[in-house]
Amino acid sequence: MALFESIIGLLLAAALLTALAQRLRVPAPALLALGGLAAAFIPGVPLVTIDPQLALALFVAPVLLDAAFDASPRDLRDNLIPVATLALVAVGVTIAAVAVVARWVLPEMPWAAAVALGAIVAPPDAAAATAVLRRLKPPHRIMVILEGESLFNDASALLVFRLALAAAATGGFSLASAAPMLVVTALGGAALGWAAARLYLAFTLRVSLDMPISVILQFLGTFGVWILAEALHVSAIITVVAYGMTLGRHAPRRTGARRRIAAYAVWEVAVFVLNALAFLLIGLEVRVILGRLDGEWEGVLLLAAGTCLAVILARMGWVMTYNAAARWALRRFGPQAPRGQPLPAPTVGGGLVISWAGMRGIVTLATALALPEDLPFRDPIVFAAVSVVLVTLVVQGSTIGPLLRRIGPSENDMVEEEVRLARLKTSKAAMRALEEAPASPARDALLRDMKARARLDEAGIGAPAPDGTAALQGRAVEAARDALEALRGDGTIGDDAFHILEEELDLMELAADPRVRPV
């Protein structure tokens, strides 16, 4: 019971810290990281240990699927080279830099342990960066690159991490034998994820499920494909990415609006809870590590400081080098033009933003928790990893917003234009369907409403005015809610009728809210 009360209290603290972060306009992961560290020193908070393999499956799989489901294959193809170089080359450069620094600070540390540390801290967490950047509305291409990087850099870093642990256990490493294994695990993971998604879609299409069971099956499928990938010795990260992207392309058309809204809400809460628990558990782990490191602080602190500098400088060096090379290639060979639309040239300001957006988060924490207890220098490695997470989240997370506002990288953002185009075409398709339906007062009223909306869409280019259609519909819904509350309050209607009308108004409010994902 004491453990249960502690977890409830820590989750409450996480919710309050997230609300405070929104008020202060700072990244929530930064405050969560500091809160998790502070929680480790609160008297009476019990020590919680978690199985290393469970740490990766529990914390990484749902967060990764949530990101993969929303990923755009078209945008990833358009930005394939910068995404691939960040996910592969930048990760490799960071691992090498951290390993060299670790060996320089602690010469007695085995190379396998040093490489494991580099693999732990190499992959940035795009969720932390996008939480800040989305409020500032940066160029769409920067968001695509950062989110695409986060889908695949975890896989490359974790593959190196597994190889480093195997080398530490066996005392040797052979690139000739490891290279084919890497190819098989990557391709096998992609094939397994695609096949699992197809089986899931075929099953849910043939079986009618209640909403709670449907949402439960989504989580079971996510953890199931991860466990299956681990059992088949293929990349679990790539499996979940392929699984999520395949579902994202085919599931929405087969899912009703009500079930989709409920699933989005449940996933949002689940991802928040898992992120909070990851920071809290690593904070509790820090208390144990600090007790073990008594008398060895000089080398440990130097390792943590050197790792933080290596992580930041390695990413910045690679991104700015690639940025300069890309600008030279554009001048020499001309712009890349996918779908006939040339992509804007990378700018120095955009490169600085991407460089500074390399904040570490849940993957680094979960991978640090997954280190075997008998690994040499495990405690200094975990302490250095936690230091990297705290430093990048607090320092970079609190300064990337001002950096973006100061640099102001410019780019022609096509998302709003694509939204307007899609809205017009979908409205016309809906009106054609109504025109073909049998005439009735309801059909005529709905058709008049849709035609009026279409005229407003055609006239309004860019962002809607503050008192546009969505705002007016929101005001109308609010007035309807007041009337509904009054009807129930004076006894004119009962609660059954109230809840039916309340659900209808909820759906209208969601349709009017531009922040809600379309259903």
Protein backbone atom coordinates (compact mmCIF):
# COMPACT_ATOMS: atom_id res chain seq x y z
CA MET A 1 0.00 0.00 0.00
CA ALA A 2 2.87 2.37 0.74
CA LEU A 3 4.29 1.78 -2.74
CA PHE A 4 0.89 2.39 -4.33
CA GLU A 5 0.48 5.65 -2.40
CA SER A 6 3.96 6.75 -3.48
CA ILE A 7 3.20 6.10 -7.15
CA ILE A 8 -0.08 8.01 -6.92
CA GLY A 9 1.71 10.93 -5.27
CA LEU A 10 4.48 10.94 -7.87
CA LEU A 11 2.00 10.89 -10.75
CA LEU A 12 0.12 13.78 -9.13
CA ALA A 13 3.41 15.67 -8.91
CA ALA A 14 4.04 14.91 -12.59
CA ALA A 15 0.64 16.31 -13.56
CA LEU A 16 1.23 19.46 -11.53
CA LEU A 17 4.72 19.91 -13.00
CA THR A 18 3.34 19.54 -16.52
CA ALA A 19 0.68 22.18 -15.80
CA LEU A 20 3.37 24.46 -14.36
CA ALA A 21 5.53 23.93 -17.45
CA GLN A 22 2.64 25.05 -19.66
CA ARG A 23 2.19 28.19 -17.57
CA LEU A 24 5.92 28.98 -17.65
CA ARG A 25 6.23 28.06 -21.34
CA VAL A 26 9.10 25.67 -20.70
CA PRO A 27 9.36 22.04 -21.85
CA ALA A 28 7.44 19.71 -19.59
CA PRO A 29 10.16 17.00 -19.83
CA ALA A 30 12.65 19.45 -18.29
CA LEU A 31 10.53 19.99 -15.19
CA LEU A 32 9.67 16.28 -15.03
CA ALA A 33 13.36 15.42 -15.09
CA LEU A 34 14.11 17.82 -12.25
CA GLY A 35 11.06 16.61 -10.35
CA GLY A 36 12.08 12.97 -10.75
CA LEU A 37 15.54 13.76 -9.44
CA ALA A 38 14.13 15.65 -6.47
CA ALA A 39 11.71 12.81 -5.70
CA ALA A 40 14.66 10.48 -5.20
CA PHE A 41 15.63 12.36 -2.04
CA ILE A 42 12.17 12.63 -0.45
CA PRO A 43 12.15 10.63 2.82
CA GLY A 44 9.87 7.63 2.71
CA VAL A 45 9.80 7.22 -1.07
CA PRO A 46 10.49 3.51 -1.65
CA LEU A 47 13.12 2.20 -4.02
CA VAL A 48 11.62 0.71 -7.17
CA THR A 49 13.56 -1.62 -9.44
CA ILE A 50 12.45 -2.70 -12.89
CA ASP A 51 13.63 -5.50 -15.12
CA PRO A 52 15.98 -4.14 -17.84
CA GLN A 53 14.09 -5.77 -20.74
CA LEU A 54 10.78 -4.60 -19.31
CA ALA A 55 12.08 -1.02 -19.19
CA LEU A 56 12.55 -0.86 -22.96
CA ALA A 57 9.27 -2.60 -23.82
CA LEU A 58 7.16 -0.66 -21.33
CA PHE A 59 8.50 2.84 -21.93
CA VAL A 60 9.67 2.83 -25.55
CA ALA A 61 7.15 0.70 -27.47
CA PRO A 62 3.95 2.78 -26.91
CA VAL A 63 5.73 6.13 -27.29
CA LEU A 64 7.38 4.97 -30.51
CA LEU A 65 4.14 3.62 -31.97
CA ASP A 66 2.36 6.89 -31.17
CA ALA A 67 5.01 8.80 -33.15
CA ALA A 68 5.10 6.28 -36.02
CA PHE A 69 1.30 6.34 -36.40
CA ASP A 70 1.39 10.09 -37.09
CA ALA A 71 4.46 10.01 -39.36
CA SER A 72 4.07 11.05 -43.00
CA PRO A 73 5.78 8.66 -45.47
CA ARG A 74 5.56 11.35 -48.17
CA ASP A 75 7.37 13.95 -46.08
CA LEU A 76 9.93 11.38 -44.95
CA ARG A 77 10.67 10.50 -48.59
CA ASP A 78 11.07 14.18 -49.45
CA ASN A 79 13.57 14.61 -46.61
CA LEU A 80 15.14 11.15 -46.78
CA ILE A 81 18.77 12.30 -46.93
CA PRO A 82 18.77 14.67 -43.90
CA VAL A 83 16.67 12.22 -41.86
CA ALA A 84 18.87 9.24 -42.76
CA THR A 85 22.12 11.08 -42.05
CA LEU A 86 20.84 12.25 -38.67
CA ALA A 87 19.55 8.79 -37.76
CA LEU A 88 22.71 6.97 -38.89
CA VAL A 89 25.73 9.22 -39.32
CA ALA A 90 24.99 11.65 -36.49
CA VAL A 91 24.33 8.73 -34.14
CA GLY A 92 27.60 7.09 -35.18
CA VAL A 93 29.57 10.32 -34.76
CA THR A 94 28.06 10.85 -31.30
CA ILE A 95 28.79 7.28 -30.20
CA ALA A 96 32.39 7.57 -31.33
CA ALA A 97 32.89 10.97 -29.68
CA VAL A 98 31.39 9.85 -26.36
CA ALA A 99 33.36 6.59 -26.35
CA VAL A 100 36.65 8.43 -26.94
CA VAL A 101 35.87 10.95 -24.19
CA ALA A 102 34.89 8.17 -21.78
CA ARG A 103 38.13 6.32 -22.41
CA TRP A 104 40.10 9.54 -22.01
CA VAL A 105 38.46 10.33 -18.66
CA LEU A 106 38.50 6.74 -17.37
CA PRO A 107 41.24 4.82 -19.22
CA GLU A 108 40.40 1.63 -17.33
CA MET A 109 36.86 1.57 -18.79
CA PRO A 110 36.55 -1.18 -21.45
CA TRP A 111 35.81 -0.05 -24.98
CA ALA A 112 32.57 -2.07 -24.97
CA ALA A 113 31.28 -0.14 -21.93
CA ALA A 114 32.37 3.18 -23.45
CA VAL A 115 30.54 2.38 -26.70
CA ALA A 116 27.47 1.34 -24.69
CA LEU A 117 27.48 4.76 -23.01
CA GLY A 118 27.70 6.44 -26.42
CA ALA A 119 24.79 4.38 -27.73
CA ILE A 120 22.69 5.24 -24.68
CA VAL A 121 23.07 9.01 -25.05
CA ALA A 122 23.23 9.18 -28.88
CA PRO A 123 19.53 9.25 -29.88
CA PRO A 124 17.71 12.57 -29.22
CA ASP A 125 14.11 12.58 -28.08
CA ALA A 126 12.06 14.54 -30.60
CA ALA A 127 9.07 14.69 -28.23
CA ALA A 128 10.95 17.08 -25.98
CA ALA A 129 11.94 19.35 -28.87
CA THR A 130 8.60 19.31 -30.66
CA ALA A 131 6.78 20.11 -27.40
CA VAL A 132 8.52 23.48 -27.53
CA LEU A 133 8.72 24.02 -31.27
CA ARG A 134 5.05 23.31 -32.04
CA ARG A 135 3.98 26.32 -29.95
CA LEU A 136 6.36 28.53 -31.94
CA LYS A 137 5.22 27.22 -35.36
CA PRO A 138 8.64 26.59 -36.94
CA PRO A 139 8.99 25.64 -40.61
CA HIS A 140 7.27 22.36 -41.34
CA ARG A 141 10.43 20.83 -42.78
CA ILE A 142 12.29 21.23 -39.47
CA MET A 143 9.52 19.37 -37.65
CA VAL A 144 9.51 16.58 -40.25
CA ILE A 145 13.28 16.12 -39.98
CA LEU A 146 13.27 16.04 -36.18
CA GLU A 147 10.31 13.67 -35.93
CA GLY A 148 11.65 11.42 -38.70
CA GLU A 149 15.03 11.29 -37.01
CA SER A 150 13.43 10.13 -33.76
CA LEU A 151 11.77 7.18 -35.51
CA PHE A 152 15.00 5.64 -36.75
CA ASN A 153 17.86 6.92 -34.58
CA ASP A 154 16.59 4.81 -31.69
CA ALA A 155 16.92 1.68 -33.82
CA SER A 156 20.48 2.42 -34.93
CA ALA A 157 21.60 3.39 -31.43
CA LEU A 158 19.98 0.35 -29.80
CA LEU A 159 21.54 -1.99 -32.35
CA VAL A 160 24.97 -0.62 -31.43
CA PHE A 161 23.98 -0.84 -27.75
CA ARG A 162 23.15 -4.55 -28.09
CA LEU A 163 26.42 -5.20 -29.93
CA ALA A 164 28.36 -3.39 -27.21
CA LEU A 165 26.71 -5.45 -24.48
CA ALA A 166 27.44 -8.65 -26.41
CA ALA A 167 31.07 -7.60 -26.80
CA ALA A 168 31.26 -6.82 -23.07
CA ALA A 169 29.88 -10.26 -22.23
CA THR A 170 32.04 -12.24 -24.67
CA GLY A 171 35.14 -10.04 -24.61
CA GLY A 172 35.33 -9.75 -28.41
CA PHE A 173 33.69 -8.16 -31.45
CA SER A 174 33.83 -8.95 -35.17
CA LEU A 175 32.45 -6.49 -37.71
CA ALA A 176 32.40 -9.20 -40.40
CA SER A 177 30.00 -11.29 -38.34
CA ALA A 178 28.01 -8.35 -36.94
CA ALA A 179 27.23 -6.62 -40.28
CA PRO A 180 25.03 -9.41 -41.71
CA MET A 181 23.24 -9.66 -38.37
CA LEU A 182 22.47 -5.93 -38.43
CA VAL A 183 21.00 -6.19 -41.93
CA VAL A 184 18.89 -9.22 -41.01
CA THR A 185 17.58 -7.67 -37.80
CA ALA A 186 16.67 -4.41 -39.57
CA LEU A 187 14.98 -5.96 -42.62
CA GLY A 188 13.40 -8.68 -40.52
CA GLY A 189 11.97 -6.08 -38.15
CA ALA A 190 10.46 -4.09 -41.02
CA ALA A 191 8.88 -7.19 -42.55
CA LEU A 192 7.55 -8.39 -39.21
CA GLY A 193 6.01 -4.99 -38.40
CA TRP A 194 4.28 -4.76 -41.79
CA ALA A 195 2.95 -8.33 -41.55
CA ALA A 196 1.75 -7.87 -37.97
CA ALA A 197 -0.11 -4.68 -38.91
CA ARG A 198 -1.81 -6.43 -41.83
CA LEU A 199 -2.92 -9.29 -39.58
CA TYR A 200 -4.23 -6.85 -36.98
CA LEU A 201 -6.20 -4.92 -39.62
CA ALA A 202 -7.64 -8.13 -41.08
CA PHE A 203 -8.73 -9.32 -37.64
CA THR A 204 -10.36 -6.05 -36.56
CA LEU A 205 -12.10 -5.72 -39.92
CA ARG A 206 -13.85 -9.08 -39.54
CA VAL A 207 -14.67 -8.87 -35.82
CA SER A 208 -16.95 -6.23 -34.30
CA LEU A 209 -15.47 -5.07 -30.99
CA ASP A 210 -16.69 -2.80 -28.25
CA MET A 211 -14.73 0.40 -27.77
CA PRO A 212 -12.90 -0.62 -24.55
CA ILE A 213 -11.85 -3.95 -26.05
CA SER A 214 -10.68 -2.22 -29.22
CA VAL A 215 -8.44 0.17 -27.26
CA ILE A 216 -7.07 -2.68 -25.12
CA LEU A 217 -6.21 -4.63 -28.28
CA GLN A 218 -4.27 -1.64 -29.59
CA PHE A 219 -1.99 -1.75 -26.55
CA LEU A 220 -1.77 -5.53 -26.62
CA GLY A 221 -0.79 -5.40 -30.28
CA THR A 222 1.93 -2.84 -29.59
CA PHE A 223 3.51 -4.82 -26.77
CA GLY A 224 2.88 -8.08 -28.63
CA VAL A 225 4.87 -7.10 -31.72
CA TRP A 226 7.72 -5.86 -29.49
CA ILE A 227 7.82 -9.17 -27.57
CA LEU A 228 7.60 -11.17 -30.81
CA ALA A 229 10.45 -9.17 -32.35
CA GLU A 230 12.60 -9.80 -29.29
CA ALA A 231 11.80 -13.53 -29.44
CA LEU A 232 12.75 -13.67 -33.15
CA HIS A 233 15.92 -11.60 -32.53
CA VAL A 234 15.01 -8.82 -34.96
CA SER A 235 14.98 -5.10 -34.23
CA ALA A 236 12.01 -4.39 -31.96
CA ILE A 237 12.34 -0.65 -32.65
CA ILE A 238 12.07 -1.05 -36.44
CA THR A 239 9.27 -3.59 -35.97
CA VAL A 240 7.16 -1.15 -33.97
CA VAL A 241 7.92 1.71 -36.40
CA ALA A 242 6.85 -0.38 -39.40
CA TYR A 243 3.81 -1.63 -37.48
CA GLY A 244 2.76 1.90 -36.49
CA MET A 245 3.30 3.45 -39.93
CA THR A 246 1.32 0.67 -41.62
CA LEU A 247 -1.56 1.11 -39.19
CA GLY A 248 -1.41 4.87 -39.67
CA ARG A 249 -1.93 4.48 -43.42
CA HIS A 250 -4.81 1.98 -43.31
CA ALA A 251 -6.53 2.02 -39.92
CA PRO A 252 -8.22 5.49 -40.00
CA ARG A 253 -10.52 4.58 -42.89
CA ARG A 254 -11.65 1.46 -41.03
CA THR A 255 -12.24 3.12 -37.66
CA GLY A 256 -15.33 5.10 -36.68
CA ALA A 257 -15.00 8.68 -35.45
CA ARG A 258 -16.22 7.94 -31.93
CA ARG A 259 -13.83 5.02 -31.45
CA ARG A 260 -10.94 7.03 -32.91
CA ILE A 261 -11.55 9.98 -30.57
CA ALA A 262 -11.59 7.64 -27.58
CA ALA A 263 -8.41 5.87 -28.72
CA TYR A 264 -6.56 9.16 -29.23
CA ALA A 265 -7.53 10.29 -25.74
CA VAL A 266 -6.41 7.02 -24.13
CA TRP A 267 -3.10 7.01 -26.00
CA GLU A 268 -2.39 10.61 -25.03
CA VAL A 269 -2.86 9.78 -21.36
CA ALA A 270 -0.86 6.55 -21.60
CA VAL A 271 2.10 8.23 -23.29
CA PHE A 272 2.09 10.98 -20.66
CA VAL A 273 2.01 8.47 -17.79
CA LEU A 274 4.81 6.38 -19.29
CA ASN A 275 7.01 9.43 -19.85
CA ALA A 276 6.40 10.58 -16.27
CA LEU A 277 7.09 7.14 -14.82
CA ALA A 278 10.32 6.83 -16.81
CA PHE A 279 11.68 10.05 -15.32
CA LEU A 280 10.50 9.12 -11.86
CA LEU A 281 12.02 5.64 -11.94
CA ILE A 282 15.36 6.89 -13.19
CA GLY A 283 15.29 9.45 -10.38
CA LEU A 284 14.81 6.70 -7.83
CA GLU A 285 17.66 4.80 -9.49
CA VAL A 286 19.92 7.84 -9.05
CA ARG A 287 19.58 7.61 -5.27
CA VAL A 288 21.00 4.09 -5.30
CA ILE A 289 23.79 5.10 -7.69
CA LEU A 290 24.82 8.06 -5.56
CA GLY A 291 25.16 5.75 -2.59
CA ARG A 292 27.42 3.40 -4.53
CA LEU A 293 29.66 6.19 -5.86
CA ASP A 294 30.83 7.41 -2.48
CA GLY A 295 34.51 8.40 -2.76
CA GLU A 296 34.66 8.22 -6.59
CA TRP A 297 33.15 11.57 -7.44
CA GLU A 298 36.02 13.19 -9.32
CA GLY A 299 36.10 10.70 -12.18
CA VAL A 300 32.33 10.30 -12.28
CA LEU A 301 31.63 14.05 -12.48
CA LEU A 302 34.33 14.48 -15.13
CA LEU A 303 32.80 11.63 -17.13
CA ALA A 304 29.33 13.23 -16.90
CA ALA A 305 30.62 16.66 -17.93
CA GLY A 306 32.68 15.26 -20.80
CA THR A 307 29.76 13.17 -22.04
CA CYS A 308 27.44 16.21 -22.04
CA LEU A 309 29.93 18.29 -24.04
CA ALA A 310 30.63 15.47 -26.49
CA VAL A 311 26.92 14.89 -27.12
CA ILE A 312 26.16 18.56 -27.81
CA LEU A 313 29.28 19.35 -29.86
CA ALA A 314 29.17 16.14 -31.93
CA ARG A 315 25.61 16.82 -33.06
CA MET A 316 26.27 20.47 -33.77
CA GLY A 317 29.44 19.66 -35.71
CA TRP A 318 27.73 17.08 -37.89
CA VAL A 319 24.54 19.08 -38.56
CA MET A 320 26.38 22.26 -39.51
CA THR A 321 28.83 20.32 -41.70
CA TYR A 322 25.98 18.60 -43.50
CA ASN A 323 24.14 21.92 -43.79
CA ALA A 324 27.10 23.58 -45.50
CA ALA A 325 27.57 20.59 -47.83
CA ALA A 326 23.86 20.60 -48.73
CA ARG A 327 23.93 24.31 -49.60
CA TRP A 328 27.01 23.76 -51.79
CA ALA A 329 25.28 20.81 -53.55
CA LEU A 330 22.21 22.96 -54.23
CA ARG A 331 24.33 25.68 -55.78
CA ARG A 332 26.26 23.11 -57.83
CA PHE A 333 23.52 20.74 -58.97
CA GLY A 334 20.28 22.66 -58.47
CA PRO A 335 17.42 22.15 -56.02
CA GLN A 336 15.74 18.84 -55.30
CA ALA A 337 12.17 18.85 -56.59
CA PRO A 338 9.97 16.01 -55.30
CA ARG A 339 6.49 16.06 -56.87
CA GLY A 340 7.62 19.03 -58.99
CA GLN A 341 7.96 21.37 -56.00
CA PRO A 342 11.56 22.34 -55.16
CA LEU A 343 12.42 22.01 -51.50
CA PRO A 344 13.77 25.18 -49.88
CA ALA A 345 17.52 25.34 -49.35
CA PRO A 346 18.73 24.63 -45.80
CA THR A 347 19.66 27.76 -43.88
CA VAL A 348 22.24 28.41 -41.19
CA GLY A 349 19.44 29.33 -38.80
CA GLY A 350 17.57 26.10 -39.50
CA GLY A 351 20.77 24.11 -38.95
CA LEU A 352 21.33 25.79 -35.59
CA VAL A 353 17.79 24.98 -34.49
CA ILE A 354 18.12 21.31 -35.49
CA SER A 355 21.53 21.16 -33.79
CA TRP A 356 20.20 22.62 -30.57
CA ALA A 357 17.07 20.42 -30.64
CA GLY A 358 19.08 17.31 -29.73
CA MET A 359 17.53 16.86 -26.30
CA ARG A 360 17.68 13.42 -24.74
CA GLY A 361 14.72 11.85 -23.03
CA ILE A 362 12.80 8.65 -22.51
CA VAL A 363 14.84 6.38 -24.80
CA THR A 364 18.08 7.35 -23.07
CA LEU A 365 16.51 6.79 -19.66
CA ALA A 366 14.96 3.44 -20.58
CA THR A 367 18.18 2.21 -22.20
CA ALA A 368 20.17 3.24 -19.14
CA LEU A 369 17.76 1.24 -16.98
CA ALA A 370 18.33 -1.74 -19.30
CA LEU A 371 22.07 -1.97 -18.50
CA PRO A 372 22.96 -5.30 -16.87
CA GLU A 373 23.92 -5.08 -13.22
CA ASP A 374 27.28 -6.80 -13.84
CA LEU A 375 28.42 -4.42 -16.62
CA PRO A 376 31.73 -2.75 -15.70
CA PHE A 377 31.32 0.92 -14.72
CA ARG A 378 27.51 0.58 -14.84
CA ASP A 379 26.86 3.20 -12.15
CA PRO A 380 29.10 5.91 -13.67
CA ILE A 381 27.52 5.21 -17.07
CA VAL A 382 23.97 5.56 -15.71
CA PHE A 383 24.93 8.73 -13.84
CA ALA A 384 26.46 10.21 -17.01
CA ALA A 385 23.32 9.28 -19.01
CA VAL A 386 21.05 10.93 -16.46
CA SER A 387 23.28 14.01 -16.49
CA VAL A 388 22.98 14.24 -20.27
CA VAL A 389 19.19 14.03 -20.05
CA LEU A 390 19.01 16.73 -17.37
CA VAL A 391 21.51 19.08 -19.01
CA THR A 392 20.03 18.84 -22.51
CA LEU A 393 16.43 19.12 -21.32
CA VAL A 394 17.03 22.03 -18.96
CA VAL A 395 19.66 23.98 -20.89
CA GLN A 396 18.69 23.30 -24.49
CA GLY A 397 15.00 22.91 -23.74
CA SER A 398 14.74 26.30 -22.06
CA THR A 399 16.77 28.14 -24.73
CA ILE A 400 15.62 26.62 -28.03
CA GLY A 401 12.48 28.77 -28.05
CA PRO A 402 14.37 32.07 -27.73
CA LEU A 403 16.92 30.76 -30.27
CA LEU A 404 14.21 30.07 -32.83
CA ARG A 405 12.58 33.46 -32.26
CA ARG A 406 15.94 35.23 -32.62
CA ILE A 407 17.08 33.38 -35.73
CA GLY A 408 13.65 33.13 -37.31
CA PRO A 409 14.48 30.64 -40.08
CA SER A 410 12.17 31.38 -42.98
CA GLU A 411 10.59 28.80 -45.24
CA ASN A 412 7.51 28.56 -47.42
CA ASP A 413 5.26 26.40 -45.27
CA MET A 414 2.84 24.47 -47.47
CA VAL A 415 0.82 22.80 -44.70
CA GLU A 416 -1.84 25.52 -44.44
CA GLU A 417 -2.22 25.63 -48.21
CA GLU A 418 -2.57 21.83 -48.31
CA VAL A 419 -5.20 21.98 -45.55
CA ARG A 420 -7.19 24.56 -47.49
CA LEU A 421 -6.95 22.53 -50.71
CA ALA A 422 -7.98 19.30 -48.96
CA ARG A 423 -10.89 21.03 -47.21
CA LEU A 424 -12.20 22.36 -50.52
CA LYS A 425 -11.95 19.01 -52.31
CA THR A 426 -13.51 17.02 -49.46
CA SER A 427 -16.33 19.55 -49.16
CA LYS A 428 -17.06 19.28 -52.89
CA ALA A 429 -17.07 15.47 -52.67
CA ALA A 430 -19.50 15.61 -49.74
CA MET A 431 -21.77 18.07 -51.58
CA ARG A 432 -21.86 15.83 -54.66
CA ALA A 433 -22.95 12.92 -52.47
CA LEU A 434 -25.72 15.03 -50.94
CA GLU A 435 -26.89 16.27 -54.33
CA GLU A 436 -27.28 12.65 -55.48
CA ALA A 437 -29.36 11.77 -52.40
CA PRO A 438 -33.18 11.96 -52.48
CA ALA A 439 -34.48 15.46 -51.84
CA SER A 440 -35.66 16.24 -48.32
CA PRO A 441 -35.73 19.25 -45.98
CA ALA A 442 -32.84 17.80 -44.00
CA ARG A 443 -30.75 17.25 -47.13
CA ASP A 444 -31.43 20.77 -48.42
CA ALA A 445 -30.54 22.38 -45.08
CA LEU A 446 -27.31 20.41 -44.80
CA LEU A 447 -26.40 21.18 -48.41
CA ARG A 448 -26.94 24.91 -47.88
CA ASP A 449 -24.70 24.79 -44.80
CA MET A 450 -21.91 22.94 -46.63
CA LYS A 451 -22.07 25.33 -49.61
CA ALA A 452 -21.77 28.30 -47.27
CA ARG A 453 -18.73 26.72 -45.63
CA ALA A 454 -17.17 26.03 -49.03
CA ARG A 455 -17.58 29.68 -50.05
CA LEU A 456 -15.84 30.75 -46.84
CA ASP A 457 -13.00 28.29 -47.46
CA GLU A 458 -12.53 29.54 -51.00
CA ALA A 459 -12.44 33.15 -49.83
CA GLY A 460 -10.17 32.59 -46.83
CA ILE A 461 -6.53 31.96 -47.73
CA GLY A 462 -4.15 31.14 -44.88
CA ALA A 463 -5.06 31.03 -41.21
CA PRO A 464 -8.69 31.74 -40.28
CA ALA A 465 -9.60 34.99 -38.64
CA PRO A 466 -9.98 35.02 -34.84
CA ASP A 467 -13.75 35.23 -35.23
CA GLY A 468 -13.94 32.82 -38.19
CA THR A 469 -16.17 29.82 -38.74
CA ALA A 470 -14.58 27.70 -36.00
CA ALA A 471 -14.82 30.48 -33.42
CA LEU A 472 -18.46 31.20 -34.30
CA GLN A 473 -19.35 27.52 -34.08
CA GLY A 474 -17.62 27.36 -30.70
CA ARG A 475 -19.72 30.28 -29.43
CA ALA A 476 -22.87 28.59 -30.72
CA VAL A 477 -22.00 25.33 -28.97
CA GLU A 478 -21.31 27.16 -25.71
CA ALA A 479 -24.73 28.84 -25.88
CA ALA A 480 -26.35 25.48 -26.58
CA ARG A 481 -24.61 24.02 -23.52
CA ASP A 482 -25.97 26.82 -21.33
CA ALA A 483 -29.50 26.12 -22.59
CA LEU A 484 -29.06 22.37 -22.04
CA GLU A 485 -27.84 22.91 -18.48
CA ALA A 486 -30.84 25.15 -17.82
CA LEU A 487 -33.26 22.51 -19.15
CA ARG A 488 -31.83 19.90 -16.84
CA GLY A 489 -31.63 22.33 -13.93
CA ASP A 490 -35.34 23.22 -14.02
CA GLY A 491 -36.40 19.61 -14.51
CA THR A 492 -37.64 19.95 -18.09
CA ILE A 493 -35.41 17.06 -19.21
CA GLY A 494 -33.86 14.15 -17.31
CA ASP A 495 -30.25 13.03 -17.23
CA ASP A 496 -30.67 10.41 -19.96
CA ALA A 497 -31.79 13.04 -22.47
CA PHE A 498 -29.13 15.41 -21.13
CA HIS A 499 -26.27 12.97 -21.81
CA ILE A 500 -27.48 12.20 -25.34
CA LEU A 501 -27.54 15.91 -26.23
CA GLU A 502 -24.25 16.47 -24.40
CA GLU A 503 -22.52 13.89 -26.61
CA GLU A 504 -23.88 15.55 -29.75
CA LEU A 505 -22.55 18.93 -28.59
CA ASP A 506 -19.19 17.34 -27.73
CA LEU A 507 -18.84 16.11 -31.30
CA MET A 508 -19.78 19.55 -32.63
CA GLU A 509 -17.20 21.16 -30.36
CA LEU A 510 -14.50 18.75 -31.52
CA ALA A 511 -15.35 19.50 -35.13
CA ALA A 512 -14.99 23.23 -34.45
CA ASP A 513 -11.68 22.94 -32.57
CA PRO A 514 -8.73 23.28 -35.01
CA ARG A 515 -6.35 21.77 -32.43
CA VAL A 516 -8.14 18.40 -32.51
CA ARG A 517 -6.96 15.84 -35.02
CA PRO A 518 -9.51 15.39 -37.80
CA VAL A 519 -11.93 12.52 -37.46
